[in-house]
Amino acid sequence: AGIPVPPGFVVTSNVYFDFIRENKIDKRIRQLLRGVNPENTRDLNYAAKTLQKEILEGKINSNIAGEIKKTYLALCKLQGKEIPVAVRSSATAEDLPTASFAGQQASFLNIKGASEVVDAVKQCWASLFEPRAIYYRIHNKFDDMKVGIAVPVQAMIQSEKAGVLFTIDPVNNDKDVIVIDAAYGLGEVVVSGSVTPDRYYVEKEDLTIISKNIAK
């Protein structure tokens, strides 16, 4: 489509599932989350904190860790120098017709160094068990053992302005309109909701701006 996508690679969700099996964390997930009441904040936070700790302390298969490091270094070689990367979470159940998990898991920006990338991948896996993510899955009846997480790793773009573009109006499904949410700096501030972005409605046919709302 001619879209300039930053170069990168993906640590697939299969790697995550293998990791939790090899470290027997799958059994701990079942034990800790079986029957947990999501409205009981103390129990929810305990389960989340325990699972995140076990993931961060778990051992990644040396072959997999080696592949991640090798691929990161190949990406650096492509750029001609050691580069910072964005290490992002992509849950396998994101953006379904009945539920949206987008933004619930963590992303880590400006990560530099092969070992640091491996550590950031584990932190993305651990973010699958943030209290709010567990809460959301329980309420929407998703099986914790079936929701995996892939981790895209891409060359970091130091943007002056960034955001999210929808090719269809996400509110009313109008197919003739493009909706753009944008802000100064990195797009992460828009995706995470830490700032209120500017919003533009654009006519798809001739790309004229129909309306805009500039946030303070």
N, C-alpha and C. Protein backbone atom coordinates (compact mmCIF):
# COMPACT_ATOMS: atom_id res chain seq x y z
N ALA A 1 0.83 -1.21 0.00
CA ALA A 1 0.00 0.00 0.00
C ALA A 1 0.86 1.26 0.00
N GLY A 2 2.18 1.09 0.04
CA GLY A 2 3.05 2.26 0.01
C GLY A 2 3.16 2.98 1.33
N ILE A 3 2.71 2.35 2.41
CA ILE A 3 2.79 2.98 3.73
C ILE A 3 4.19 2.73 4.31
N PRO A 4 4.87 3.78 4.79
CA PRO A 4 6.24 3.60 5.31
C PRO A 4 6.27 2.99 6.71
N VAL A 5 6.19 1.67 6.78
CA VAL A 5 6.19 0.97 8.07
C VAL A 5 7.64 0.83 8.57
N PRO A 6 7.94 1.21 9.81
CA PRO A 6 9.31 1.05 10.33
C PRO A 6 9.73 -0.42 10.30
N PRO A 7 10.99 -0.70 9.95
CA PRO A 7 11.45 -2.10 9.90
C PRO A 7 11.44 -2.73 11.29
N GLY A 8 11.22 -4.03 11.33
CA GLY A 8 11.18 -4.70 12.62
C GLY A 8 10.90 -6.18 12.48
N PHE A 9 10.54 -6.80 13.59
CA PHE A 9 10.22 -8.23 13.61
C PHE A 9 9.22 -8.48 14.74
N VAL A 10 8.66 -9.69 14.76
CA VAL A 10 7.65 -10.03 15.77
C VAL A 10 8.05 -11.29 16.52
N VAL A 11 8.03 -11.21 17.84
CA VAL A 11 8.15 -12.40 18.68
C VAL A 11 6.73 -12.95 18.82
N THR A 12 6.44 -14.09 18.22
CA THR A 12 5.06 -14.55 18.08
C THR A 12 4.45 -15.00 19.41
N SER A 13 3.14 -15.11 19.40
CA SER A 13 2.43 -15.55 20.61
C SER A 13 2.79 -17.00 20.97
N ASN A 14 3.19 -17.80 19.97
CA ASN A 14 3.62 -19.18 20.27
C ASN A 14 4.81 -19.19 21.22
N VAL A 15 5.70 -18.22 21.08
CA VAL A 15 6.86 -18.12 21.96
C VAL A 15 6.40 -17.86 23.40
N TYR A 16 5.40 -16.99 23.54
CA TYR A 16 4.84 -16.71 24.87
C TYR A 16 4.24 -17.98 25.49
N PHE A 17 3.42 -18.70 24.71
CA PHE A 17 2.79 -19.91 25.23
C PHE A 17 3.84 -20.97 25.62
N ASP A 18 4.88 -21.12 24.81
CA ASP A 18 5.96 -22.05 25.14
C ASP A 18 6.65 -21.64 26.44
N PHE A 19 6.87 -20.33 26.60
CA PHE A 19 7.54 -19.80 27.80
C PHE A 19 6.76 -20.12 29.06
N ILE A 20 5.44 -19.89 29.05
CA ILE A 20 4.67 -20.12 30.29
C ILE A 20 4.55 -21.61 30.59
N ARG A 21 4.57 -22.46 29.54
CA ARG A 21 4.55 -23.91 29.78
C ARG A 21 5.88 -24.39 30.35
N GLU A 22 6.98 -23.94 29.73
CA GLU A 22 8.31 -24.39 30.15
C GLU A 22 8.63 -23.96 31.59
N ASN A 23 8.08 -22.82 32.00
CA ASN A 23 8.32 -22.32 33.36
C ASN A 23 7.20 -22.70 34.33
N LYS A 24 6.26 -23.53 33.83
CA LYS A 24 5.12 -24.01 34.63
C LYS A 24 4.26 -22.86 35.18
N ILE A 25 4.30 -21.74 34.47
CA ILE A 25 3.48 -20.59 34.89
C ILE A 25 2.03 -20.81 34.49
N ASP A 26 1.79 -21.67 33.49
CA ASP A 26 0.41 -21.97 33.10
C ASP A 26 -0.38 -22.55 34.27
N LYS A 27 0.30 -23.41 35.06
CA LYS A 27 -0.37 -23.99 36.24
C LYS A 27 -0.66 -22.92 37.28
N ARG A 28 0.28 -21.99 37.44
CA ARG A 28 0.10 -20.91 38.42
C ARG A 28 -1.04 -19.98 38.00
N ILE A 29 -1.18 -19.77 36.70
CA ILE A 29 -2.28 -18.93 36.21
C ILE A 29 -3.61 -19.56 36.59
N ARG A 30 -3.72 -20.88 36.36
CA ARG A 30 -4.96 -21.58 36.72
C ARG A 30 -5.22 -21.52 38.22
N GLN A 31 -4.17 -21.75 39.01
CA GLN A 31 -4.33 -21.75 40.47
C GLN A 31 -4.78 -20.39 41.00
N LEU A 32 -4.07 -19.36 40.56
CA LEU A 32 -4.30 -18.02 41.13
C LEU A 32 -5.57 -17.35 40.63
N LEU A 33 -5.99 -17.68 39.40
CA LEU A 33 -7.15 -16.99 38.83
C LEU A 33 -8.44 -17.81 38.89
N ARG A 34 -8.32 -19.08 39.35
CA ARG A 34 -9.53 -19.89 39.46
C ARG A 34 -10.44 -19.31 40.55
N GLY A 35 -11.58 -18.86 40.15
CA GLY A 35 -12.57 -18.36 41.12
C GLY A 35 -12.26 -17.01 41.73
N VAL A 36 -11.23 -16.30 41.23
CA VAL A 36 -10.91 -14.99 41.81
C VAL A 36 -12.06 -14.01 41.52
N ASN A 37 -12.42 -13.24 42.55
CA ASN A 37 -13.48 -12.24 42.40
C ASN A 37 -12.85 -10.94 41.91
N PRO A 38 -13.15 -10.51 40.68
CA PRO A 38 -12.50 -9.31 40.14
C PRO A 38 -12.86 -8.03 40.90
N GLU A 39 -13.96 -8.09 41.68
CA GLU A 39 -14.35 -6.91 42.46
C GLU A 39 -13.58 -6.83 43.78
N ASN A 40 -12.89 -7.91 44.13
CA ASN A 40 -12.08 -7.90 45.35
C ASN A 40 -10.68 -7.41 44.96
N THR A 41 -10.45 -6.12 45.19
CA THR A 41 -9.22 -5.48 44.73
C THR A 41 -7.97 -6.13 45.30
N ARG A 42 -8.02 -6.52 46.58
CA ARG A 42 -6.85 -7.11 47.22
C ARG A 42 -6.47 -8.44 46.55
N ASP A 43 -7.46 -9.32 46.34
CA ASP A 43 -7.19 -10.61 45.70
C ASP A 43 -6.72 -10.44 44.26
N LEU A 44 -7.35 -9.51 43.55
CA LEU A 44 -7.01 -9.26 42.15
C LEU A 44 -5.56 -8.76 42.05
N ASN A 45 -5.21 -7.81 42.90
CA ASN A 45 -3.85 -7.25 42.87
C ASN A 45 -2.81 -8.29 43.28
N TYR A 46 -3.17 -9.15 44.24
CA TYR A 46 -2.23 -10.20 44.67
C TYR A 46 -1.94 -11.16 43.51
N ALA A 47 -3.01 -11.60 42.84
CA ALA A 47 -2.84 -12.54 41.72
C ALA A 47 -2.02 -11.89 40.61
N ALA A 48 -2.32 -10.63 40.30
CA ALA A 48 -1.61 -9.92 39.23
C ALA A 48 -0.13 -9.77 39.57
N LYS A 49 0.16 -9.30 40.78
CA LYS A 49 1.54 -9.06 41.19
C LYS A 49 2.35 -10.37 41.21
N THR A 50 1.73 -11.45 41.68
CA THR A 50 2.41 -12.74 41.76
C THR A 50 2.75 -13.28 40.38
N LEU A 51 1.77 -13.22 39.46
CA LEU A 51 1.99 -13.74 38.11
C LEU A 51 3.02 -12.91 37.35
N GLN A 52 2.95 -11.59 37.52
CA GLN A 52 3.93 -10.73 36.83
C GLN A 52 5.34 -11.02 37.33
N LYS A 53 5.49 -11.22 38.63
CA LYS A 53 6.80 -11.51 39.22
C LYS A 53 7.34 -12.83 38.66
N GLU A 54 6.48 -13.85 38.57
CA GLU A 54 6.93 -15.16 38.09
C GLU A 54 7.33 -15.10 36.61
N ILE A 55 6.62 -14.30 35.84
CA ILE A 55 6.98 -14.14 34.42
C ILE A 55 8.33 -13.44 34.29
N LEU A 56 8.52 -12.37 35.05
CA LEU A 56 9.77 -11.61 34.97
C LEU A 56 10.97 -12.42 35.47
N GLU A 57 10.70 -13.36 36.39
CA GLU A 57 11.78 -14.20 36.91
C GLU A 57 11.96 -15.50 36.11
N GLY A 58 11.03 -15.77 35.19
CA GLY A 58 11.10 -16.98 34.38
C GLY A 58 12.27 -16.93 33.40
N LYS A 59 12.68 -18.11 32.96
CA LYS A 59 13.84 -18.21 32.06
C LYS A 59 13.37 -18.44 30.63
N ILE A 60 13.78 -17.55 29.74
CA ILE A 60 13.48 -17.74 28.33
C ILE A 60 14.44 -18.78 27.74
N ASN A 61 13.90 -19.70 26.97
CA ASN A 61 14.71 -20.69 26.27
C ASN A 61 15.90 -19.99 25.59
N SER A 62 17.10 -20.52 25.80
CA SER A 62 18.32 -19.84 25.31
C SER A 62 18.32 -19.68 23.79
N ASN A 63 17.72 -20.65 23.08
CA ASN A 63 17.64 -20.54 21.62
C ASN A 63 16.76 -19.37 21.20
N ILE A 64 15.63 -19.21 21.91
CA ILE A 64 14.71 -18.11 21.61
C ILE A 64 15.36 -16.77 21.95
N ALA A 65 15.95 -16.67 23.14
CA ALA A 65 16.62 -15.43 23.54
C ALA A 65 17.70 -15.07 22.52
N GLY A 66 18.44 -16.11 22.06
CA GLY A 66 19.48 -15.88 21.07
C GLY A 66 18.93 -15.37 19.75
N GLU A 67 17.78 -15.91 19.34
CA GLU A 67 17.14 -15.47 18.10
C GLU A 67 16.69 -14.02 18.19
N ILE A 68 16.11 -13.65 19.35
CA ILE A 68 15.66 -12.26 19.53
C ILE A 68 16.86 -11.31 19.43
N LYS A 69 17.93 -11.66 20.14
CA LYS A 69 19.14 -10.81 20.12
C LYS A 69 19.72 -10.72 18.70
N LYS A 70 19.82 -11.87 18.02
CA LYS A 70 20.39 -11.91 16.68
C LYS A 70 19.57 -11.06 15.70
N THR A 71 18.23 -11.15 15.84
CA THR A 71 17.36 -10.41 14.92
C THR A 71 17.41 -8.91 15.20
N TYR A 72 17.51 -8.55 16.49
CA TYR A 72 17.67 -7.13 16.84
C TYR A 72 18.97 -6.59 16.25
N LEU A 73 20.07 -7.35 16.39
CA LEU A 73 21.37 -6.90 15.86
C LEU A 73 21.34 -6.81 14.34
N ALA A 74 20.59 -7.70 13.68
CA ALA A 74 20.43 -7.63 12.22
C ALA A 74 19.67 -6.37 11.84
N LEU A 75 18.70 -6.00 12.65
CA LEU A 75 17.93 -4.76 12.42
C LEU A 75 18.86 -3.55 12.55
N CYS A 76 19.72 -3.59 13.55
CA CYS A 76 20.70 -2.50 13.76
C CYS A 76 21.65 -2.41 12.56
N LYS A 77 22.09 -3.57 12.08
CA LYS A 77 23.02 -3.60 10.95
C LYS A 77 22.37 -2.98 9.72
N LEU A 78 21.07 -3.23 9.57
CA LEU A 78 20.31 -2.67 8.45
C LEU A 78 20.33 -1.14 8.50
N GLN A 79 20.34 -0.60 9.73
CA GLN A 79 20.33 0.85 9.93
C GLN A 79 21.75 1.43 10.00
N GLY A 80 22.74 0.55 10.07
CA GLY A 80 24.12 1.00 10.10
C GLY A 80 24.64 1.41 11.46
N LYS A 81 23.85 1.17 12.51
CA LYS A 81 24.27 1.52 13.88
C LYS A 81 23.32 0.87 14.87
N GLU A 82 23.73 0.85 16.15
CA GLU A 82 22.81 0.33 17.18
C GLU A 82 21.68 1.34 17.35
N ILE A 83 20.46 0.86 17.25
CA ILE A 83 19.31 1.78 17.26
C ILE A 83 18.37 1.48 18.42
N PRO A 84 17.65 2.51 18.88
CA PRO A 84 16.57 2.26 19.84
C PRO A 84 15.36 1.68 19.12
N VAL A 85 14.59 0.85 19.81
CA VAL A 85 13.40 0.24 19.22
C VAL A 85 12.19 0.43 20.12
N ALA A 86 11.03 0.30 19.53
CA ALA A 86 9.77 0.22 20.28
C ALA A 86 9.43 -1.25 20.43
N VAL A 87 9.20 -1.68 21.66
CA VAL A 87 8.83 -3.07 21.95
C VAL A 87 7.38 -3.04 22.41
N ARG A 88 6.50 -3.56 21.59
CA ARG A 88 5.06 -3.35 21.79
C ARG A 88 4.32 -4.65 22.10
N SER A 89 3.23 -4.52 22.82
CA SER A 89 2.38 -5.68 23.12
C SER A 89 1.24 -5.77 22.12
N SER A 90 0.94 -6.98 21.69
CA SER A 90 -0.20 -7.20 20.80
C SER A 90 -0.91 -8.49 21.22
N ALA A 91 -1.95 -8.33 22.06
CA ALA A 91 -2.68 -9.50 22.56
C ALA A 91 -3.48 -10.14 21.44
N THR A 92 -3.57 -11.46 21.46
CA THR A 92 -4.23 -12.18 20.37
C THR A 92 -5.73 -11.94 20.33
N ALA A 93 -6.30 -11.36 21.39
CA ALA A 93 -7.74 -11.13 21.41
C ALA A 93 -8.10 -9.66 21.21
N GLU A 94 -7.15 -8.85 20.72
CA GLU A 94 -7.42 -7.42 20.55
C GLU A 94 -8.47 -7.16 19.48
N ASP A 95 -9.30 -6.13 19.72
CA ASP A 95 -10.22 -5.59 18.73
C ASP A 95 -11.14 -6.62 18.09
N LEU A 96 -11.85 -7.36 18.95
CA LEU A 96 -12.88 -8.27 18.47
C LEU A 96 -14.19 -7.51 18.34
N PRO A 97 -15.19 -8.07 17.63
CA PRO A 97 -16.46 -7.36 17.51
C PRO A 97 -17.13 -7.10 18.86
N THR A 98 -16.86 -7.97 19.84
CA THR A 98 -17.55 -7.85 21.14
C THR A 98 -16.67 -7.30 22.26
N ALA A 99 -15.38 -7.10 21.99
CA ALA A 99 -14.48 -6.63 23.06
C ALA A 99 -13.23 -6.02 22.44
N SER A 100 -12.61 -5.10 23.18
CA SER A 100 -11.36 -4.48 22.72
C SER A 100 -10.33 -4.50 23.83
N PHE A 101 -9.21 -5.16 23.58
CA PHE A 101 -8.14 -5.26 24.56
C PHE A 101 -7.04 -4.22 24.29
N ALA A 102 -7.19 -3.47 23.20
CA ALA A 102 -6.13 -2.55 22.80
C ALA A 102 -5.83 -1.55 23.91
N GLY A 103 -4.53 -1.31 24.13
CA GLY A 103 -4.12 -0.34 25.14
C GLY A 103 -4.02 -0.88 26.54
N GLN A 104 -4.47 -2.13 26.77
CA GLN A 104 -4.43 -2.69 28.12
C GLN A 104 -3.04 -3.21 28.49
N GLN A 105 -2.28 -3.60 27.48
CA GLN A 105 -0.94 -4.13 27.74
C GLN A 105 0.11 -3.04 27.50
N ALA A 106 1.32 -3.29 27.99
CA ALA A 106 2.36 -2.25 27.98
C ALA A 106 3.16 -2.25 26.69
N SER A 107 3.68 -1.07 26.35
CA SER A 107 4.67 -0.91 25.30
C SER A 107 5.87 -0.19 25.91
N PHE A 108 7.05 -0.49 25.38
CA PHE A 108 8.28 0.10 25.92
C PHE A 108 9.04 0.76 24.78
N LEU A 109 9.31 2.05 24.94
CA LEU A 109 9.90 2.84 23.86
C LEU A 109 11.37 3.13 24.13
N ASN A 110 12.10 3.38 23.03
CA ASN A 110 13.52 3.75 23.12
C ASN A 110 14.37 2.70 23.84
N ILE A 111 14.08 1.42 23.57
CA ILE A 111 14.87 0.33 24.14
C ILE A 111 16.10 0.10 23.27
N LYS A 112 17.27 0.06 23.89
CA LYS A 112 18.52 -0.06 23.14
C LYS A 112 19.39 -1.16 23.76
N GLY A 113 19.88 -2.07 22.92
CA GLY A 113 20.71 -3.17 23.41
C GLY A 113 19.99 -4.50 23.29
N ALA A 114 20.72 -5.55 22.88
CA ALA A 114 20.11 -6.86 22.62
C ALA A 114 19.50 -7.46 23.89
N SER A 115 20.23 -7.45 25.00
CA SER A 115 19.70 -8.02 26.25
C SER A 115 18.52 -7.22 26.76
N GLU A 116 18.58 -5.90 26.56
CA GLU A 116 17.48 -5.03 27.00
C GLU A 116 16.20 -5.32 26.22
N VAL A 117 16.33 -5.68 24.95
CA VAL A 117 15.16 -6.03 24.14
C VAL A 117 14.51 -7.30 24.67
N VAL A 118 15.34 -8.30 25.01
CA VAL A 118 14.82 -9.55 25.58
C VAL A 118 14.06 -9.26 26.88
N ASP A 119 14.63 -8.42 27.73
CA ASP A 119 13.97 -8.06 29.00
C ASP A 119 12.63 -7.35 28.74
N ALA A 120 12.61 -6.47 27.74
CA ALA A 120 11.38 -5.74 27.41
C ALA A 120 10.30 -6.68 26.89
N VAL A 121 10.70 -7.73 26.16
CA VAL A 121 9.73 -8.73 25.68
C VAL A 121 9.05 -9.39 26.88
N LYS A 122 9.85 -9.76 27.89
CA LYS A 122 9.28 -10.38 29.10
C LYS A 122 8.34 -9.41 29.82
N GLN A 123 8.70 -8.13 29.82
CA GLN A 123 7.84 -7.15 30.47
C GLN A 123 6.51 -7.00 29.73
N CYS A 124 6.55 -7.14 28.41
CA CYS A 124 5.29 -7.14 27.63
C CYS A 124 4.43 -8.34 28.01
N TRP A 125 5.07 -9.52 28.13
CA TRP A 125 4.32 -10.72 28.54
C TRP A 125 3.70 -10.51 29.93
N ALA A 126 4.49 -9.95 30.83
CA ALA A 126 3.99 -9.73 32.20
C ALA A 126 2.80 -8.78 32.22
N SER A 127 2.77 -7.83 31.28
CA SER A 127 1.67 -6.85 31.27
C SER A 127 0.33 -7.47 30.89
N LEU A 128 0.36 -8.72 30.39
CA LEU A 128 -0.89 -9.43 30.12
C LEU A 128 -1.65 -9.68 31.43
N PHE A 129 -0.93 -9.57 32.54
CA PHE A 129 -1.54 -9.82 33.85
C PHE A 129 -1.58 -8.58 34.72
N GLU A 130 -1.71 -7.42 34.06
CA GLU A 130 -2.06 -6.20 34.80
C GLU A 130 -3.44 -6.42 35.42
N PRO A 131 -3.71 -5.86 36.61
CA PRO A 131 -5.02 -6.07 37.24
C PRO A 131 -6.19 -5.72 36.32
N ARG A 132 -6.08 -4.59 35.60
CA ARG A 132 -7.20 -4.19 34.73
C ARG A 132 -7.41 -5.17 33.58
N ALA A 133 -6.31 -5.79 33.10
CA ALA A 133 -6.43 -6.76 32.01
C ALA A 133 -7.11 -8.04 32.50
N ILE A 134 -6.73 -8.51 33.70
CA ILE A 134 -7.38 -9.69 34.29
C ILE A 134 -8.86 -9.40 34.53
N TYR A 135 -9.14 -8.23 35.09
CA TYR A 135 -10.52 -7.81 35.38
C TYR A 135 -11.37 -7.85 34.10
N TYR A 136 -10.82 -7.28 33.03
CA TYR A 136 -11.55 -7.19 31.77
C TYR A 136 -11.82 -8.58 31.19
N ARG A 137 -10.83 -9.46 31.25
CA ARG A 137 -11.02 -10.82 30.71
C ARG A 137 -12.08 -11.59 31.49
N ILE A 138 -12.06 -11.45 32.81
CA ILE A 138 -13.06 -12.16 33.63
C ILE A 138 -14.45 -11.66 33.29
N HIS A 139 -14.61 -10.34 33.20
CA HIS A 139 -15.94 -9.77 32.92
C HIS A 139 -16.45 -10.14 31.53
N ASN A 140 -15.52 -10.33 30.58
CA ASN A 140 -15.92 -10.66 29.22
C ASN A 140 -15.80 -12.15 28.92
N LYS A 141 -15.55 -12.95 30.01
CA LYS A 141 -15.53 -14.41 29.91
C LYS A 141 -14.51 -14.93 28.89
N PHE A 142 -13.30 -14.37 28.95
CA PHE A 142 -12.20 -14.87 28.14
C PHE A 142 -11.34 -15.79 28.98
N ASP A 143 -10.95 -16.91 28.39
CA ASP A 143 -10.09 -17.87 29.06
C ASP A 143 -8.66 -17.33 29.09
N ASP A 144 -8.10 -17.16 30.30
CA ASP A 144 -6.74 -16.62 30.44
C ASP A 144 -5.71 -17.48 29.74
N MET A 145 -5.99 -18.77 29.61
CA MET A 145 -5.03 -19.68 29.00
C MET A 145 -5.07 -19.62 27.47
N LYS A 146 -6.07 -18.97 26.92
CA LYS A 146 -6.19 -18.91 25.46
C LYS A 146 -5.82 -17.55 24.89
N VAL A 147 -5.70 -16.55 25.77
CA VAL A 147 -5.29 -15.21 25.30
C VAL A 147 -3.77 -15.14 25.38
N GLY A 148 -3.13 -15.06 24.22
CA GLY A 148 -1.68 -14.96 24.18
C GLY A 148 -1.24 -13.55 23.87
N ILE A 149 0.05 -13.37 23.71
CA ILE A 149 0.56 -12.03 23.42
C ILE A 149 1.76 -12.12 22.48
N ALA A 150 1.68 -11.43 21.37
CA ALA A 150 2.81 -11.31 20.45
C ALA A 150 3.51 -9.98 20.76
N VAL A 151 4.78 -9.90 20.40
CA VAL A 151 5.54 -8.68 20.70
C VAL A 151 6.24 -8.17 19.43
N PRO A 152 5.65 -7.16 18.77
CA PRO A 152 6.35 -6.53 17.65
C PRO A 152 7.50 -5.64 18.16
N VAL A 153 8.64 -5.73 17.51
CA VAL A 153 9.81 -4.90 17.83
C VAL A 153 10.13 -4.10 16.57
N GLN A 154 10.05 -2.77 16.66
CA GLN A 154 10.26 -1.94 15.47
C GLN A 154 11.23 -0.80 15.74
N ALA A 155 11.93 -0.39 14.70
CA ALA A 155 12.83 0.76 14.81
C ALA A 155 12.04 1.96 15.35
N MET A 156 12.61 2.64 16.31
CA MET A 156 11.95 3.76 16.96
C MET A 156 11.91 4.98 16.03
N ILE A 157 10.73 5.56 15.89
CA ILE A 157 10.57 6.78 15.09
C ILE A 157 10.40 7.96 16.06
N GLN A 158 11.32 8.90 16.03
CA GLN A 158 11.26 10.06 16.93
C GLN A 158 10.38 11.12 16.29
N SER A 159 9.09 10.93 16.41
CA SER A 159 8.13 11.77 15.69
C SER A 159 7.93 13.14 16.34
N GLU A 160 7.73 14.15 15.50
CA GLU A 160 7.34 15.48 16.00
C GLU A 160 5.85 15.48 16.34
N LYS A 161 5.08 14.77 15.50
CA LYS A 161 3.63 14.65 15.72
C LYS A 161 3.25 13.22 15.38
N ALA A 162 2.29 12.67 16.09
CA ALA A 162 1.90 11.28 15.83
C ALA A 162 0.48 11.04 16.33
N GLY A 163 -0.05 9.88 15.99
CA GLY A 163 -1.40 9.56 16.45
C GLY A 163 -1.96 8.32 15.80
N VAL A 164 -3.27 8.29 15.69
CA VAL A 164 -3.98 7.12 15.17
C VAL A 164 -4.92 7.58 14.06
N LEU A 165 -4.92 6.82 12.95
CA LEU A 165 -5.81 7.13 11.84
C LEU A 165 -6.79 5.98 11.64
N PHE A 166 -8.07 6.31 11.61
CA PHE A 166 -9.13 5.31 11.35
C PHE A 166 -9.66 5.52 9.94
N THR A 167 -9.67 4.47 9.11
CA THR A 167 -10.14 4.61 7.73
C THR A 167 -11.66 4.58 7.62
N ILE A 168 -12.32 4.28 8.75
CA ILE A 168 -13.78 4.36 8.86
C ILE A 168 -14.07 5.01 10.21
N ASP A 169 -15.09 5.85 10.29
CA ASP A 169 -15.44 6.47 11.57
C ASP A 169 -15.75 5.37 12.59
N PRO A 170 -14.95 5.25 13.66
CA PRO A 170 -15.16 4.15 14.61
C PRO A 170 -16.41 4.28 15.45
N VAL A 171 -17.02 5.47 15.44
CA VAL A 171 -18.22 5.68 16.26
C VAL A 171 -19.48 5.24 15.52
N ASN A 172 -19.62 5.68 14.25
CA ASN A 172 -20.86 5.37 13.52
C ASN A 172 -20.64 4.53 12.26
N ASN A 173 -19.40 4.05 12.05
CA ASN A 173 -19.06 3.20 10.89
C ASN A 173 -19.27 3.88 9.54
N ASP A 174 -19.18 5.22 9.51
CA ASP A 174 -19.29 5.94 8.25
C ASP A 174 -18.05 5.65 7.40
N LYS A 175 -18.27 5.01 6.24
CA LYS A 175 -17.14 4.58 5.40
C LYS A 175 -16.61 5.70 4.51
N ASP A 176 -17.25 6.85 4.51
CA ASP A 176 -16.81 7.96 3.66
C ASP A 176 -15.89 8.93 4.40
N VAL A 177 -15.61 8.63 5.66
CA VAL A 177 -14.86 9.56 6.51
C VAL A 177 -13.61 8.90 7.08
N ILE A 178 -12.52 9.66 7.13
CA ILE A 178 -11.30 9.27 7.84
C ILE A 178 -11.26 10.07 9.14
N VAL A 179 -10.94 9.41 10.24
CA VAL A 179 -10.84 10.09 11.53
C VAL A 179 -9.39 9.99 12.02
N ILE A 180 -8.80 11.14 12.35
CA ILE A 180 -7.41 11.18 12.82
C ILE A 180 -7.36 11.78 14.22
N ASP A 181 -6.78 11.03 15.17
CA ASP A 181 -6.47 11.55 16.51
C ASP A 181 -4.97 11.77 16.56
N ALA A 182 -4.53 12.99 16.87
CA ALA A 182 -3.10 13.29 16.81
C ALA A 182 -2.67 14.23 17.93
N ALA A 183 -1.37 14.16 18.25
CA ALA A 183 -0.80 15.05 19.28
C ALA A 183 0.66 15.27 18.96
N TYR A 184 1.27 16.23 19.63
CA TYR A 184 2.71 16.44 19.49
C TYR A 184 3.46 15.32 20.20
N GLY A 185 4.62 14.95 19.66
CA GLY A 185 5.44 13.92 20.29
C GLY A 185 5.14 12.53 19.79
N LEU A 186 5.40 11.53 20.64
CA LEU A 186 5.23 10.13 20.26
C LEU A 186 3.75 9.72 20.32
N GLY A 187 3.37 8.79 19.46
CA GLY A 187 1.98 8.35 19.40
C GLY A 187 1.50 7.65 20.65
N GLU A 188 2.44 7.19 21.47
CA GLU A 188 2.09 6.46 22.69
C GLU A 188 1.19 7.27 23.61
N VAL A 189 1.38 8.60 23.63
CA VAL A 189 0.57 9.44 24.52
C VAL A 189 -0.90 9.45 24.09
N VAL A 190 -1.13 9.25 22.78
CA VAL A 190 -2.51 9.18 22.27
C VAL A 190 -3.11 7.82 22.58
N VAL A 191 -2.35 6.76 22.27
CA VAL A 191 -2.85 5.39 22.47
C VAL A 191 -3.13 5.10 23.94
N SER A 192 -2.25 5.59 24.82
CA SER A 192 -2.41 5.32 26.25
C SER A 192 -3.47 6.19 26.91
N GLY A 193 -3.90 7.25 26.21
CA GLY A 193 -4.90 8.14 26.78
C GLY A 193 -4.34 9.14 27.77
N SER A 194 -3.00 9.32 27.77
CA SER A 194 -2.40 10.25 28.73
C SER A 194 -2.56 11.71 28.31
N VAL A 195 -2.91 11.94 27.04
CA VAL A 195 -3.28 13.30 26.62
C VAL A 195 -4.59 13.21 25.82
N THR A 196 -5.29 14.34 25.76
CA THR A 196 -6.46 14.43 24.89
C THR A 196 -5.97 14.91 23.53
N PRO A 197 -6.11 14.09 22.49
CA PRO A 197 -5.54 14.47 21.19
C PRO A 197 -6.43 15.45 20.43
N ASP A 198 -5.83 16.08 19.41
CA ASP A 198 -6.62 16.81 18.42
C ASP A 198 -7.34 15.77 17.56
N ARG A 199 -8.55 16.11 17.10
CA ARG A 199 -9.30 15.16 16.26
C ARG A 199 -9.71 15.85 14.96
N TYR A 200 -9.47 15.14 13.86
CA TYR A 200 -9.81 15.65 12.53
C TYR A 200 -10.73 14.67 11.82
N TYR A 201 -11.80 15.20 11.23
CA TYR A 201 -12.66 14.40 10.36
C TYR A 201 -12.36 14.81 8.92
N VAL A 202 -11.99 13.82 8.08
CA VAL A 202 -11.54 14.11 6.72
C VAL A 202 -12.42 13.38 5.72
N GLU A 203 -12.85 14.09 4.69
CA GLU A 203 -13.62 13.48 3.60
C GLU A 203 -12.71 12.54 2.83
N LYS A 204 -13.11 11.28 2.72
CA LYS A 204 -12.23 10.28 2.12
C LYS A 204 -11.99 10.53 0.63
N GLU A 205 -13.01 11.03 -0.06
CA GLU A 205 -12.92 11.15 -1.52
C GLU A 205 -11.89 12.20 -1.95
N ASP A 206 -11.90 13.38 -1.32
CA ASP A 206 -10.99 14.44 -1.77
C ASP A 206 -10.03 14.92 -0.67
N LEU A 207 -10.06 14.26 0.50
CA LEU A 207 -9.15 14.54 1.62
C LEU A 207 -9.29 15.96 2.19
N THR A 208 -10.47 16.56 2.03
CA THR A 208 -10.70 17.86 2.68
C THR A 208 -11.10 17.62 4.14
N ILE A 209 -10.70 18.56 5.01
CA ILE A 209 -11.05 18.45 6.42
C ILE A 209 -12.49 18.92 6.61
N ILE A 210 -13.34 18.02 7.09
CA ILE A 210 -14.75 18.36 7.32
C ILE A 210 -14.89 19.16 8.61
N SER A 211 -14.23 18.68 9.66
CA SER A 211 -14.26 19.37 10.96
C SER A 211 -13.04 18.98 11.76
N LYS A 212 -12.71 19.82 12.75
CA LYS A 212 -11.57 19.50 13.62
C LYS A 212 -11.83 20.03 15.02
N ASN A 213 -11.29 19.31 15.97
CA ASN A 213 -11.40 19.73 17.37
C ASN A 213 -10.00 19.75 17.97
N ILE A 214 -9.48 20.96 18.24
CA ILE A 214 -8.13 21.11 18.77
C ILE A 214 -8.18 21.13 20.29
N ALA A 215 -7.53 20.14 20.91
CA ALA A 215 -7.56 20.02 22.37
C ALA A 215 -6.60 21.02 23.01
N LYS A 216 -6.90 21.39 24.25
CA LYS A 216 -5.99 22.27 25.00
C LYS A 216 -4.95 21.41 25.70
